[in-house]
PDB file of N, CA and C in Angstrom:
ATOM      1  N   MET A   1     -40.126   8.782 -34.614  1.00  0.00           N
ATOM      2  CA  MET A   1     -39.610  10.221 -33.565  1.00  0.00           C
ATOM      3  C   MET A   1     -39.142  11.267 -34.080  1.00  0.00           C
ATOM      4  N   ASN A   2     -39.058  11.759 -33.037  1.00  0.00           N
ATOM      5  CA  ASN A   2     -38.104  13.432 -33.463  1.00  0.00           C
ATOM      6  C   ASN A   2     -37.048  13.518 -32.275  1.00  0.00           C
ATOM      7  N   ASN A   3     -35.631  13.641 -33.042  1.00  0.00           N
ATOM      8  CA  ASN A   3     -34.324  12.679 -31.457  1.00  0.00           C
ATOM      9  C   ASN A   3     -33.641  14.650 -31.687  1.00  0.00           C
ATOM     10  N   ASN A   4     -34.663  15.667 -32.492  1.00  0.00           N
ATOM     11  CA  ASN A   4     -33.134  16.732 -32.917  1.00  0.00           C
ATOM     12  C   ASN A   4     -34.218  17.152 -31.321  1.00  0.00           C
ATOM     13  N   TYR A   5     -35.268  16.724 -31.281  1.00  0.00           N
ATOM     14  CA  TYR A   5     -35.409  17.274 -29.371  1.00  0.00           C
ATOM     15  C   TYR A   5     -34.599  16.842 -28.016  1.00  0.00           C
ATOM     16  N   TYR A   6     -34.174  15.860 -28.614  1.00  0.00           N
ATOM     17  CA  TYR A   6     -33.483  15.784 -27.024  1.00  0.00           C
ATOM     18  C   TYR A   6     -31.778  15.471 -27.575  1.00  0.00           C
ATOM     19  N   THR A   7     -31.189  16.887 -28.234  1.00  0.00           N
ATOM     20  CA  THR A   7     -30.324  16.835 -28.465  1.00  0.00           C
ATOM     21  C   THR A   7     -29.594  17.740 -27.352  1.00  0.00           C
ATOM     22  N   ASN A   8     -27.958  17.237 -27.383  1.00  0.00           N
ATOM     23  CA  ASN A   8     -28.171  19.160 -26.183  1.00  0.00           C
ATOM     24  C   ASN A   8     -26.659  19.562 -26.890  1.00  0.00           C
ATOM     25  N   GLY A   9     -27.243  19.889 -28.096  1.00  0.00           N
ATOM     26  CA  GLY A   9     -26.224  20.465 -29.200  1.00  0.00           C
ATOM     27  C   GLY A   9     -26.372  22.177 -29.500  1.00  0.00           C
ATOM     28  N   PRO A  10     -25.087  23.004 -29.916  1.00  0.00           N
ATOM     29  CA  PRO A  10     -25.377  24.131 -29.983  1.00  0.00           C
ATOM     30  C   PRO A  10     -27.107  24.236 -30.819  1.00  0.00           C
ATOM     31  N   GLY A  11     -28.480  25.346 -30.191  1.00  0.00           N
ATOM     32  CA  GLY A  11     -29.351  25.267 -31.045  1.00  0.00           C
ATOM     33  C   GLY A  11     -30.439  25.127 -30.407  1.00  0.00           C
ATOM     34  N   SER A  12     -29.789  23.671 -29.522  1.00  0.00           N
ATOM     35  CA  SER A  12     -30.350  22.688 -28.505  1.00  0.00           C
ATOM     36  C   SER A  12     -31.368  24.337 -27.072  1.00  0.00           C
ATOM     37  N   PRO A  13     -32.729  24.210 -26.570  1.00  0.00           N
ATOM     38  CA  PRO A  13     -33.135  24.741 -25.427  1.00  0.00           C
ATOM     39  C   PRO A  13     -32.065  24.352 -24.312  1.00  0.00           C
ATOM     40  N   LEU A  14     -31.225  23.086 -24.285  1.00  0.00           N
ATOM     41  CA  LEU A  14     -30.381  22.365 -23.428  1.00  0.00           C
ATOM     42  C   LEU A  14     -29.292  23.149 -23.557  1.00  0.00           C
ATOM     43  N   PHE A  15     -28.577  23.254 -24.206  1.00  0.00           N
ATOM     44  CA  PHE A  15     -27.345  23.567 -24.799  1.00  0.00           C
ATOM     45  C   PHE A  15     -26.870  25.442 -24.191  1.00  0.00           C
ATOM     46  N   THR A  16     -26.009  25.878 -23.360  1.00  0.00           N
ATOM     47  CA  THR A  16     -26.158  27.288 -23.009  1.00  0.00           C
ATOM     48  C   THR A  16     -24.596  27.002 -23.079  1.00  0.00           C
ATOM     49  N   ASN A  17     -23.728  28.408 -23.460  1.00  0.00           N
ATOM     50  CA  ASN A  17     -22.870  28.422 -23.708  1.00  0.00           C
ATOM     51  C   ASN A  17     -21.371  29.399 -22.469  1.00  0.00           C
ATOM     52  N   ASN A  18     -22.107  30.262 -21.952  1.00  0.00           N
ATOM     53  CA  ASN A  18     -22.382  31.370 -21.136  1.00  0.00           C
ATOM     54  C   ASN A  18     -21.037  31.748 -20.636  1.00  0.00           C
ATOM     55  N   ASP A  19     -19.819  32.107 -21.555  1.00  0.00           N
ATOM     56  CA  ASP A  19     -18.724  32.182 -21.323  1.00  0.00           C
ATOM     57  C   ASP A  19     -18.066  30.936 -20.149  1.00  0.00           C
ATOM     58  N   VAL A  20     -18.519  30.051 -20.007  1.00  0.00           N
ATOM     59  CA  VAL A  20     -17.708  28.658 -18.474  1.00  0.00           C
ATOM     60  C   VAL A  20     -16.982  28.378 -18.719  1.00  0.00           C
ATOM     61  N   GLU A  21     -15.719  28.570 -18.079  1.00  0.00           N
ATOM     62  CA  GLU A  21     -14.692  28.023 -18.512  1.00  0.00           C
ATOM     63  C   GLU A  21     -14.295  26.803 -17.886  1.00  0.00           C
ATOM     64  N   THR A  22     -13.930  25.947 -19.056  1.00  0.00           N
ATOM     65  CA  THR A  22     -13.338  24.207 -19.386  1.00  0.00           C
ATOM     66  C   THR A  22     -13.231  24.133 -17.987  1.00  0.00           C
ATOM     67  N   PRO A  23     -13.044  23.190 -16.782  1.00  0.00           N
ATOM     68  CA  PRO A  23     -12.679  23.270 -15.347  1.00  0.00           C
ATOM     69  C   PRO A  23     -10.612  22.041 -16.149  1.00  0.00           C
ATOM     70  N   ASN A  24      -9.390  22.623 -15.692  1.00  0.00           N
ATOM     71  CA  ASN A  24      -8.425  22.085 -15.623  1.00  0.00           C
ATOM     72  C   ASN A  24      -7.497  21.180 -14.219  1.00  0.00           C
ATOM     73  N   GLN A  25      -6.517  21.522 -14.986  1.00  0.00           N
ATOM     74  CA  GLN A  25      -5.951  20.354 -13.417  1.00  0.00           C
ATOM     75  C   GLN A  25      -5.693  21.558 -12.061  1.00  0.00           C
ATOM     76  N   GLU A  26      -5.555  22.625 -12.167  1.00  0.00           N
ATOM     77  CA  GLU A  26      -5.785  24.495 -11.051  1.00  0.00           C
ATOM     78  C   GLU A  26      -7.111  23.824 -11.174  1.00  0.00           C
ATOM     79  N   THR A  27      -8.066  23.935 -11.636  1.00  0.00           N
ATOM     80  CA  THR A  27      -9.200  24.599 -11.861  1.00  0.00           C
ATOM     81  C   THR A  27     -10.308  23.579 -11.509  1.00  0.00           C
ATOM     82  N   ALA A  28      -9.997  22.361 -11.609  1.00  0.00           N
ATOM     83  CA  ALA A  28     -11.478  21.389 -11.057  1.00  0.00           C
ATOM     84  C   ALA A  28     -11.408  21.587  -9.561  1.00  0.00           C
ATOM     85  N   PRO A  29     -12.118  21.200  -9.275  1.00  0.00           N
ATOM     86  CA  PRO A  29     -12.447  20.492  -7.824  1.00  0.00           C
ATOM     87  C   PRO A  29     -11.839  18.831  -7.750  1.00  0.00           C
ATOM     88  N   ASN A  30     -11.461  18.731  -6.390  1.00  0.00           N
ATOM     89  CA  ASN A  30     -10.792  17.936  -5.557  1.00  0.00           C
ATOM     90  C   ASN A  30     -12.188  15.910  -5.797  1.00  0.00           C
ATOM     91  N   LEU A  31     -12.162  15.806  -5.899  1.00  0.00           N
ATOM     92  CA  LEU A  31     -13.824  14.456  -6.138  1.00  0.00           C
ATOM     93  C   LEU A  31     -13.436  13.825  -5.685  1.00  0.00           C
ATOM     94  N   ASN A  32     -11.634  13.542  -5.112  1.00  0.00           N
ATOM     95  CA  ASN A  32     -11.696  11.800  -4.926  1.00  0.00           C
ATOM     96  C   ASN A  32     -12.016  11.297  -3.042  1.00  0.00           C
ATOM     97  N   MET A  33     -12.624  12.328  -2.416  1.00  0.00           N
ATOM     98  CA  MET A  33     -13.235  12.406  -1.381  1.00  0.00           C
ATOM     99  C   MET A  33     -12.836  11.433  -0.473  1.00  0.00           C
ATOM    100  N   GLY A  34     -11.770  10.858  -0.458  1.00  0.00           N
ATOM    101  CA  GLY A  34     -10.855   9.914   0.769  1.00  0.00           C
ATOM    102  C   GLY A  34     -11.665   8.590   0.412  1.00  0.00           C
ATOM    103  N   TYR A  35     -11.323   8.526  -1.995  1.00  0.00           N
ATOM    104  CA  TYR A  35     -11.257   6.522  -1.716  1.00  0.00           C
ATOM    105  C   TYR A  35     -10.097   6.918  -2.622  1.00  0.00           C
ATOM    106  N   ASN A  36      -9.407   5.818  -1.948  1.00  0.00           N
ATOM    107  CA  ASN A  36      -7.795   5.425  -2.588  1.00  0.00           C
ATOM    108  C   ASN A  36      -8.937   5.154  -4.242  1.00  0.00           C
ATOM    109  N   THR A  37      -8.161   6.175  -4.784  1.00  0.00           N
ATOM    110  CA  THR A  37      -8.136   5.420  -6.271  1.00  0.00           C
ATOM    111  C   THR A  37      -6.648   4.299  -6.471  1.00  0.00           C
ATOM    112  N   ASN A  38      -5.325   4.593  -6.088  1.00  0.00           N
ATOM    113  CA  ASN A  38      -4.108   4.112  -6.936  1.00  0.00           C
ATOM    114  C   ASN A  38      -4.746   3.032  -7.791  1.00  0.00           C
ATOM    115  N   SER A  39      -4.619   2.031  -8.223  1.00  0.00           N
ATOM    116  CA  SER A  39      -4.631   1.036  -8.087  1.00  0.00           C
ATOM    117  C   SER A  39      -3.868   0.129  -8.527  1.00  0.00           C
ATOM    118  N   TYR A  40      -2.148   1.714  -8.776  1.00  0.00           N
ATOM    119  CA  TYR A  40      -1.142   0.720  -9.486  1.00  0.00           C
ATOM    120  C   TYR A  40      -0.203   0.890  -7.693  1.00  0.00           C
ATOM    121  N   LEU A  41      -1.483   0.659  -6.982  1.00  0.00           N
ATOM    122  CA  LEU A  41      -0.664   0.136  -5.159  1.00  0.00           C
ATOM    123  C   LEU A  41      -1.231  -0.705  -5.490  1.00  0.00           C
ATOM    124  N   ASN A  42      -2.073  -0.862  -4.831  1.00  0.00           N
ATOM    125  CA  ASN A  42      -2.824  -2.085  -5.237  1.00  0.00           C
ATOM    126  C   ASN A  42      -2.632  -3.453  -5.667  1.00  0.00           C
ATOM    127  N   GLU A  43      -1.796  -2.697  -6.817  1.00  0.00           N
ATOM    128  CA  GLU A  43      -1.350  -4.456  -8.251  1.00  0.00           C
ATOM    129  C   GLU A  43      -0.025  -4.474  -7.818  1.00  0.00           C
ATOM    130  N   SER A  44       0.745  -3.173  -6.955  1.00  0.00           N
ATOM    131  CA  SER A  44       1.849  -3.613  -6.564  1.00  0.00           C
ATOM    132  C   SER A  44       2.012  -4.132  -5.805  1.00  0.00           C
ATOM    133  N   LEU A  45       0.752  -4.017  -4.019  1.00  0.00           N
ATOM    134  CA  LEU A  45       0.791  -4.643  -3.350  1.00  0.00           C
ATOM    135  C   LEU A  45       0.316  -6.466  -3.751  1.00  0.00           C
ATOM    136  N   TYR A  46      -0.529  -6.670  -4.336  1.00  0.00           N
ATOM    137  CA  TYR A  46      -0.327  -7.811  -5.209  1.00  0.00           C
ATOM    138  C   TYR A  46       0.626  -9.124  -5.684  1.00  0.00           C
ATOM    139  N   LEU A  47       1.495  -8.412  -5.949  1.00  0.00           N
ATOM    140  CA  LEU A  47       2.645  -8.796  -6.817  1.00  0.00           C
ATOM    141  C   LEU A  47       3.913  -9.269  -5.397  1.00  0.00           C
ATOM    142  N   ASN A  48       3.421  -8.205  -4.620  1.00  0.00           N
ATOM    143  CA  ASN A  48       4.698  -8.593  -2.999  1.00  0.00           C
ATOM    144  C   ASN A  48       3.816  -9.542  -2.448  1.00  0.00           C
ATOM    145  N   LYS A  49       3.039 -10.354  -2.190  1.00  0.00           N
ATOM    146  CA  LYS A  49       2.134 -11.105  -0.949  1.00  0.00           C
ATOM    147  C   LYS A  49       3.240 -12.516  -1.090  1.00  0.00           C
ATOM    148  N   GLY A  50       2.975 -12.355   0.441  1.00  0.00           N
ATOM    149  CA  GLY A  50       4.658 -13.676   0.992  1.00  0.00           C
ATOM    150  C   GLY A  50       5.737 -12.275   1.740  1.00  0.00           C
ATOM    151  N   LYS A  51       5.841 -11.391   1.318  1.00  0.00           N
ATOM    152  CA  LYS A  51       7.017 -10.645   2.533  1.00  0.00           C
ATOM    153  C   LYS A  51       6.513  -9.943   3.672  1.00  0.00           C
ATOM    154  N   LEU A  52       7.753  -8.968   4.028  1.00  0.00           N
ATOM    155  CA  LEU A  52       6.928  -8.871   5.387  1.00  0.00           C
ATOM    156  C   LEU A  52       6.574  -7.279   5.060  1.00  0.00           C
ATOM    157  N   MET A  53       6.841  -7.363   5.865  1.00  0.00           N
ATOM    158  CA  MET A  53       5.585  -5.192   5.558  1.00  0.00           C
ATOM    159  C   MET A  53       5.453  -4.539   6.492  1.00  0.00           C
ATOM    160  N   THR A  54       5.871  -2.635   6.085  1.00  0.00           N
ATOM    161  CA  THR A  54       5.212  -3.024   7.356  1.00  0.00           C
ATOM    162  C   THR A  54       3.860  -1.303   6.540  1.00  0.00           C
ATOM    163  N   ILE A  55       2.799  -1.141   7.321  1.00  0.00           N
ATOM    164  CA  ILE A  55       2.318  -0.542   6.688  1.00  0.00           C
ATOM    165  C   ILE A  55       1.451   0.892   7.772  1.00  0.00           C
ATOM    166  N   TYR A  56       1.676   1.516   6.521  1.00  0.00           N
ATOM    167  CA  TYR A  56       0.969   3.365   7.690  1.00  0.00           C
ATOM    168  C   TYR A  56      -0.097   3.139   7.334  1.00  0.00           C
ATOM    169  N   THR A  57      -1.050   3.233   7.901  1.00  0.00           N
ATOM    170  CA  THR A  57      -1.898   4.098   7.964  1.00  0.00           C
ATOM    171  C   THR A  57      -2.759   5.698   9.031  1.00  0.00           C
ATOM    172  N   THR A  58      -3.330   6.116   8.235  1.00  0.00           N
ATOM    173  CA  THR A  58      -4.520   7.147   8.869  1.00  0.00           C
ATOM    174  C   THR A  58      -5.652   6.851   9.083  1.00  0.00           C
ATOM    175  N   PHE A  59      -6.854   7.133   9.735  1.00  0.00           N
ATOM    176  CA  PHE A  59      -7.965   6.392  10.603  1.00  0.00           C
ATOM    177  C   PHE A  59      -8.242   8.052  10.867  1.00  0.00           C
ATOM    178  N   ASN A  60      -8.842   8.930   9.548  1.00  0.00           N
ATOM    179  CA  ASN A  60      -9.588   9.546   9.803  1.00  0.00           C
ATOM    180  C   ASN A  60     -10.729   9.613  10.544  1.00  0.00           C
ATOM    181  N   GLY A  61     -10.504  10.920  11.922  1.00  0.00           N
ATOM    182  CA  GLY A  61     -11.946  10.651  12.685  1.00  0.00           C
ATOM    183  C   GLY A  61     -11.196  10.285  14.225  1.00  0.00           C
ATOM    184  N   SER A  62     -10.082   9.447  14.641  1.00  0.00           N
ATOM    185  CA  SER A  62     -10.074   8.296  15.411  1.00  0.00           C
ATOM    186  C   SER A  62      -9.448   8.534  16.534  1.00  0.00           C
ATOM    187  N   VAL A  63      -9.792   8.214  17.411  1.00  0.00           N
ATOM    188  CA  VAL A  63      -9.037   8.727  18.853  1.00  0.00           C
ATOM    189  C   VAL A  63      -8.047   8.124  18.705  1.00  0.00           C
ATOM    190  N   GLU A  64      -8.118   6.536  18.521  1.00  0.00           N
ATOM    191  CA  GLU A  64      -7.718   6.225  19.181  1.00  0.00           C
ATOM    192  C   GLU A  64      -6.337   5.871  18.381  1.00  0.00           C
ATOM    193  N   TRP A  65      -6.673   5.383  17.001  1.00  0.00           N
ATOM    194  CA  TRP A  65      -5.905   5.053  16.060  1.00  0.00           C
ATOM    195  C   TRP A  65      -5.928   6.293  15.281  1.00  0.00           C
ATOM    196  N   PRO A  66      -5.512   7.781  15.158  1.00  0.00           N
ATOM    197  CA  PRO A  66      -5.807   8.234  14.472  1.00  0.00           C
ATOM    198  C   PRO A  66      -4.059   7.437  12.827  1.00  0.00           C
ATOM    199  N   ASN A  67      -3.141   7.708  13.749  1.00  0.00           N
ATOM    200  CA  ASN A  67      -1.957   6.821  13.103  1.00  0.00           C
ATOM    201  C   ASN A  67      -1.490   6.062  13.063  1.00  0.00           C
ATOM    202  N   LYS A  68      -1.904   4.499  13.014  1.00  0.00           N
ATOM    203  CA  LYS A  68      -1.340   3.472  13.105  1.00  0.00           C
ATOM    204  C   LYS A  68      -0.231   2.337  11.381  1.00  0.00           C
ATOM    205  N   LYS A  69       0.586   2.463  12.189  1.00  0.00           N
ATOM    206  CA  LYS A  69       1.101   0.936  11.777  1.00  0.00           C
ATOM    207  C   LYS A  69       1.336  -0.138  12.073  1.00  0.00           C
ATOM    208  N   PHE A  70       0.793  -1.143  10.776  1.00  0.00           N
ATOM    209  CA  PHE A  70       0.909  -2.605  11.469  1.00  0.00           C
ATOM    210  C   PHE A  70       1.776  -3.536  10.269  1.00  0.00           C
ATOM    211  N   THR A  71       2.205  -3.988  11.094  1.00  0.00           N
ATOM    212  CA  THR A  71       3.269  -5.733  10.453  1.00  0.00           C
ATOM    213  C   THR A  71       2.725  -6.382  10.328  1.00  0.00           C
ATOM    214  N   GLY A  72       3.495  -7.222   9.242  1.00  0.00           N
ATOM    215  CA  GLY A  72       3.521  -8.563   9.523  1.00  0.00           C
ATOM    216  C   GLY A  72       3.257  -9.160   7.660  1.00  0.00           C
ATOM    217  N   ILE A  73       3.317  -9.932   7.394  1.00  0.00           N
ATOM    218  CA  ILE A  73       3.208 -10.799   5.974  1.00  0.00           C
ATOM    219  C   ILE A  73       1.968 -10.790   5.530  1.00  0.00           C
ATOM    220  N   LEU A  74       2.309 -10.121   4.025  1.00  0.00           N
ATOM    221  CA  LEU A  74       1.749  -9.128   3.222  1.00  0.00           C
ATOM    222  C   LEU A  74       0.595 -11.226   2.799  1.00  0.00           C
ATOM    223  N   GLU A  75      -0.420 -11.196   3.635  1.00  0.00           N
ATOM    224  CA  GLU A  75      -1.642 -12.415   2.430  1.00  0.00           C
ATOM    225  C   GLU A  75      -2.192 -12.378   1.496  1.00  0.00           C
ATOM    226  N   TYR A  76      -2.833 -11.278   1.606  1.00  0.00           N
ATOM    227  CA  TYR A  76      -3.640 -11.540   0.249  1.00  0.00           C
ATOM    228  C   TYR A  76      -3.601 -10.040  -0.166  1.00  0.00           C
ATOM    229  N   ALA A  77      -4.044  -9.366  -0.900  1.00  0.00           N
ATOM    230  CA  ALA A  77      -4.383  -7.550  -1.480  1.00  0.00           C
ATOM    231  C   ALA A  77      -5.221  -7.806  -2.661  1.00  0.00           C
ATOM    232  N   SER A  78      -6.296  -6.712  -2.422  1.00  0.00           N
ATOM    233  CA  SER A  78      -7.228  -6.385  -3.615  1.00  0.00           C
ATOM    234  C   SER A  78      -8.048  -4.928  -3.894  1.00  0.00           C
ATOM    235  N   LEU A  79      -8.562  -4.146  -4.120  1.00  0.00           N
ATOM    236  CA  LEU A  79      -9.017  -3.320  -4.765  1.00  0.00           C
ATOM    237  C   LEU A  79      -8.978  -2.767  -3.585  1.00  0.00           C
ATOM    238  N   ASP A  80      -9.624  -3.293  -2.173  1.00  0.00           N
ATOM    239  CA  ASP A  80     -10.566  -2.575  -1.765  1.00  0.00           C
ATOM    240  C   ASP A  80      -9.547  -2.695   0.170  1.00  0.00           C
ATOM    241  N   HIS A  81      -9.225  -4.097   0.027  1.00  0.00           N
ATOM    242  CA  HIS A  81      -8.385  -4.112   1.166  1.00  0.00           C
ATOM    243  C   HIS A  81      -6.982  -5.161   1.299  1.00  0.00           C
ATOM    244  N   LEU A  82      -6.261  -4.885   1.986  1.00  0.00           N
ATOM    245  CA  LEU A  82      -4.934  -6.048   2.002  1.00  0.00           C
ATOM    246  C   LEU A  82      -5.211  -6.849   3.504  1.00  0.00           C
ATOM    247  N   THR A  83      -4.083  -7.859   3.468  1.00  0.00           N
ATOM    248  CA  THR A  83      -4.989  -8.780   4.933  1.00  0.00           C
ATOM    249  C   THR A  83      -3.166  -8.890   5.162  1.00  0.00           C
ATOM    250  N   ILE A  84      -3.189  -8.593   6.112  1.00  0.00           N
ATOM    251  CA  ILE A  84      -1.389  -8.840   7.149  1.00  0.00           C
ATOM    252  C   ILE A  84      -1.695 -10.438   7.921  1.00  0.00           C
ATOM    253  N   SER A  85      -0.457 -10.813   8.332  1.00  0.00           N
ATOM    254  CA  SER A  85      -0.640 -12.268   9.413  1.00  0.00           C
ATOM    255  C   SER A  85       0.866 -11.718  10.452  1.00  0.00           C
ATOM    256  N   ASP A  86       0.962 -11.373  11.236  1.00  0.00           N
ATOM    257  CA  ASP A  86       1.878 -10.579  12.108  1.00  0.00           C
ATOM    258  C   ASP A  86       1.987 -11.976  12.723  1.00  0.00           C
ATOM    259  N   PRO A  87       3.465 -12.623  12.057  1.00  0.00           N
ATOM    260  CA  PRO A  87       4.765 -14.208  12.733  1.00  0.00           C
ATOM    261  C   PRO A  87       4.934 -14.088  14.075  1.00  0.00           C
ATOM    262  N   LYS A  88       4.862 -12.690  14.990  1.00  0.00           N
ATOM    263  CA  LYS A  88       5.421 -12.429  16.301  1.00  0.00           C
ATOM    264  C   LYS A  88       4.284 -12.830  17.544  1.00  0.00           C
ATOM    265  N   THR A  89       2.977 -11.913  17.040  1.00  0.00           N
ATOM    266  CA  THR A  89       1.618 -12.180  17.229  1.00  0.00           C
ATOM    267  C   THR A  89       0.593 -13.311  17.569  1.00  0.00           C
ATOM    268  N   GLY A  90       0.082 -14.246  15.540  1.00  0.00           N
ATOM    269  CA  GLY A  90      -0.144 -14.442  15.756  1.00  0.00           C
ATOM    270  C   GLY A  90      -1.481 -13.909  15.263  1.00  0.00           C
ATOM    271  N   LYS A  91      -1.886 -12.527  14.554  1.00  0.00           N
ATOM    272  CA  LYS A  91      -3.007 -11.985  14.987  1.00  0.00           C
ATOM    273  C   LYS A  91      -2.805 -11.778  13.162  1.00  0.00           C
ATOM    274  N   TRP A  92      -4.378 -11.244  12.770  1.00  0.00           N
ATOM    275  CA  TRP A  92      -4.627 -11.236  11.743  1.00  0.00           C
ATOM    276  C   TRP A  92      -4.691  -9.941  11.411  1.00  0.00           C
ATOM    277  N   TYR A  93      -4.432  -8.950  10.556  1.00  0.00           N
ATOM    278  CA  TYR A  93      -5.022  -7.766   9.887  1.00  0.00           C
ATOM    279  C   TYR A  93      -5.881  -7.665   8.547  1.00  0.00           C
ATOM    280  N   ALA A  94      -6.516  -7.039   8.261  1.00  0.00           N
ATOM    281  CA  ALA A  94      -7.709  -6.988   7.192  1.00  0.00           C
ATOM    282  C   ALA A  94      -7.949  -5.722   7.739  1.00  0.00           C
ATOM    283  N   ILE A  95      -6.666  -4.582   6.412  1.00  0.00           N
ATOM    284  CA  ILE A  95      -7.197  -3.695   6.319  1.00  0.00           C
ATOM    285  C   ILE A  95      -7.527  -2.131   4.835  1.00  0.00           C
ATOM    286  N   PRO A  96      -8.542  -2.014   5.040  1.00  0.00           N
ATOM    287  CA  PRO A  96      -9.308  -1.377   4.007  1.00  0.00           C
ATOM    288  C   PRO A  96      -8.022   0.043   3.785  1.00  0.00           C
ATOM    289  N   THR A  97      -8.117  -0.340   2.096  1.00  0.00           N
ATOM    290  CA  THR A  97      -6.787   0.242   1.205  1.00  0.00           C
ATOM    291  C   THR A  97      -7.137   1.518   1.272  1.00  0.00           C
ATOM    292  N   ILE A  98      -8.614   2.251   1.666  1.00  0.00           N
ATOM    293  CA  ILE A  98      -8.545   3.770   1.753  1.00  0.00           C
ATOM    294  C   ILE A  98      -7.646   4.675   2.547  1.00  0.00           C
ATOM    295  N   TYR A  99      -7.423   3.850   3.991  1.00  0.00           N
ATOM    296  CA  TYR A  99      -6.475   4.233   4.706  1.00  0.00           C
ATOM    297  C   TYR A  99      -5.600   3.778   4.969  1.00  0.00           C
ATOM    298  N   VAL A 100      -4.793   3.333   3.409  1.00  0.00           N
ATOM    299  CA  VAL A 100      -3.448   3.500   3.944  1.00  0.00           C
ATOM    300  C   VAL A 100      -2.536   4.178   2.839  1.00  0.00           C
ATOM    301  N   ASN A 101      -2.003   4.975   3.396  1.00  0.00           N
ATOM    302  CA  ASN A 101      -0.715   5.916   3.557  1.00  0.00           C
ATOM    303  C   ASN A 101       0.455   5.045   1.622  1.00  0.00           C
ATOM    304  N   TYR A 102       1.769   4.243   3.162  1.00  0.00           N
ATOM    305  CA  TYR A 102       2.486   3.484   2.370  1.00  0.00           C
ATOM    306  C   TYR A 102       3.122   2.407   3.222  1.00  0.00           C
ATOM    307  N   VAL A 103       3.978   2.259   2.656  1.00  0.00           N
ATOM    308  CA  VAL A 103       4.140   0.563   2.774  1.00  0.00           C
ATOM    309  C   VAL A 103       6.027   0.615   3.092  1.00  0.00           C
ATOM    310  N   GLU A 104       6.056   0.057   3.736  1.00  0.00           N
ATOM    311  CA  GLU A 104       8.313  -0.361   3.554  1.00  0.00           C
ATOM    312  C   GLU A 104       8.262  -1.984   4.225  1.00  0.00           C
ATOM    313  N   SER A 105       9.072  -2.025   3.265  1.00  0.00           N
ATOM    314  CA  SER A 105       9.620  -3.655   3.250  1.00  0.00           C
ATOM    315  C   SER A 105      11.397  -3.951   3.161  1.00  0.00           C
ATOM    316  N   ASP A 106      11.433  -4.543   4.107  1.00  0.00           N
ATOM    317  CA  ASP A 106      13.458  -4.908   3.974  1.00  0.00           C
ATOM    318  C   ASP A 106      13.625  -5.482   2.625  1.00  0.00           C
ATOM    319  N   GLU A 107      12.682  -6.094   1.869  1.00  0.00           N
ATOM    320  CA  GLU A 107      12.733  -6.597   0.866  1.00  0.00           C
ATOM    321  C   GLU A 107      12.656  -5.651  -0.163  1.00  0.00           C
ATOM    322  N   LYS A 108      12.920  -6.479  -1.916  1.00  0.00           N
ATOM    323  CA  LYS A 108      12.735  -5.468  -2.558  1.00  0.00           C
ATOM    324  C   LYS A 108      11.675  -5.916  -3.130  1.00  0.00           C
ATOM    325  N   ILE A 109      10.457  -4.614  -3.532  1.00  0.00           N
ATOM    326  CA  ILE A 109       9.326  -4.688  -3.140  1.00  0.00           C
ATOM    327  C   ILE A 109       9.164  -4.438  -4.787  1.00  0.00           C
ATOM    328  N   VAL A 110       8.263  -5.685  -5.872  1.00  0.00           N
ATOM    329  CA  VAL A 110       8.155  -5.600  -7.250  1.00  0.00           C
ATOM    330  C   VAL A 110       6.698  -5.154  -7.533  1.00  0.00           C
ATOM    331  N   GLU A 111       7.631  -4.402  -8.752  1.00  0.00           N
ATOM    332  CA  GLU A 111       6.341  -3.548  -9.492  1.00  0.00           C
ATOM    333  C   GLU A 111       5.970  -3.722 -10.215  1.00  0.00           C
TER     334      GLU A 111
END
C-alpha cells in the first residue's frame, strides 16, 4: 500500500498554507460553549466535603432562577455535579457544575 497518498504534508494535495495565521490566545475562538472545564474547582470542592458552603449559580435562560444561591453542607462533588444538604430545611440539592459561578465558606477552603 502506498502511504504517501494519505499524507497531509507539503507536496500533498491536501496540504495548503495560503498564508493563514495560526490562532493564538487573542485570535482563537472561545470554544468553551458554556461547559465548566475548570477541574481545579471540582477537585477543590471534593476536598472540602462536609463543610457548610454557599454556592452561587447562574441558570442562563431561566425566568424563575436566573441567579440563585444554595447554602448547605457539601455532601458530594464530582466533575459534573455537586450535592449539598440544607440542615435548616432538610432539602438536598444536586447542582450541575456548569452552572456554578463560585462558592463561599466561613471555614477555610482546602485547595
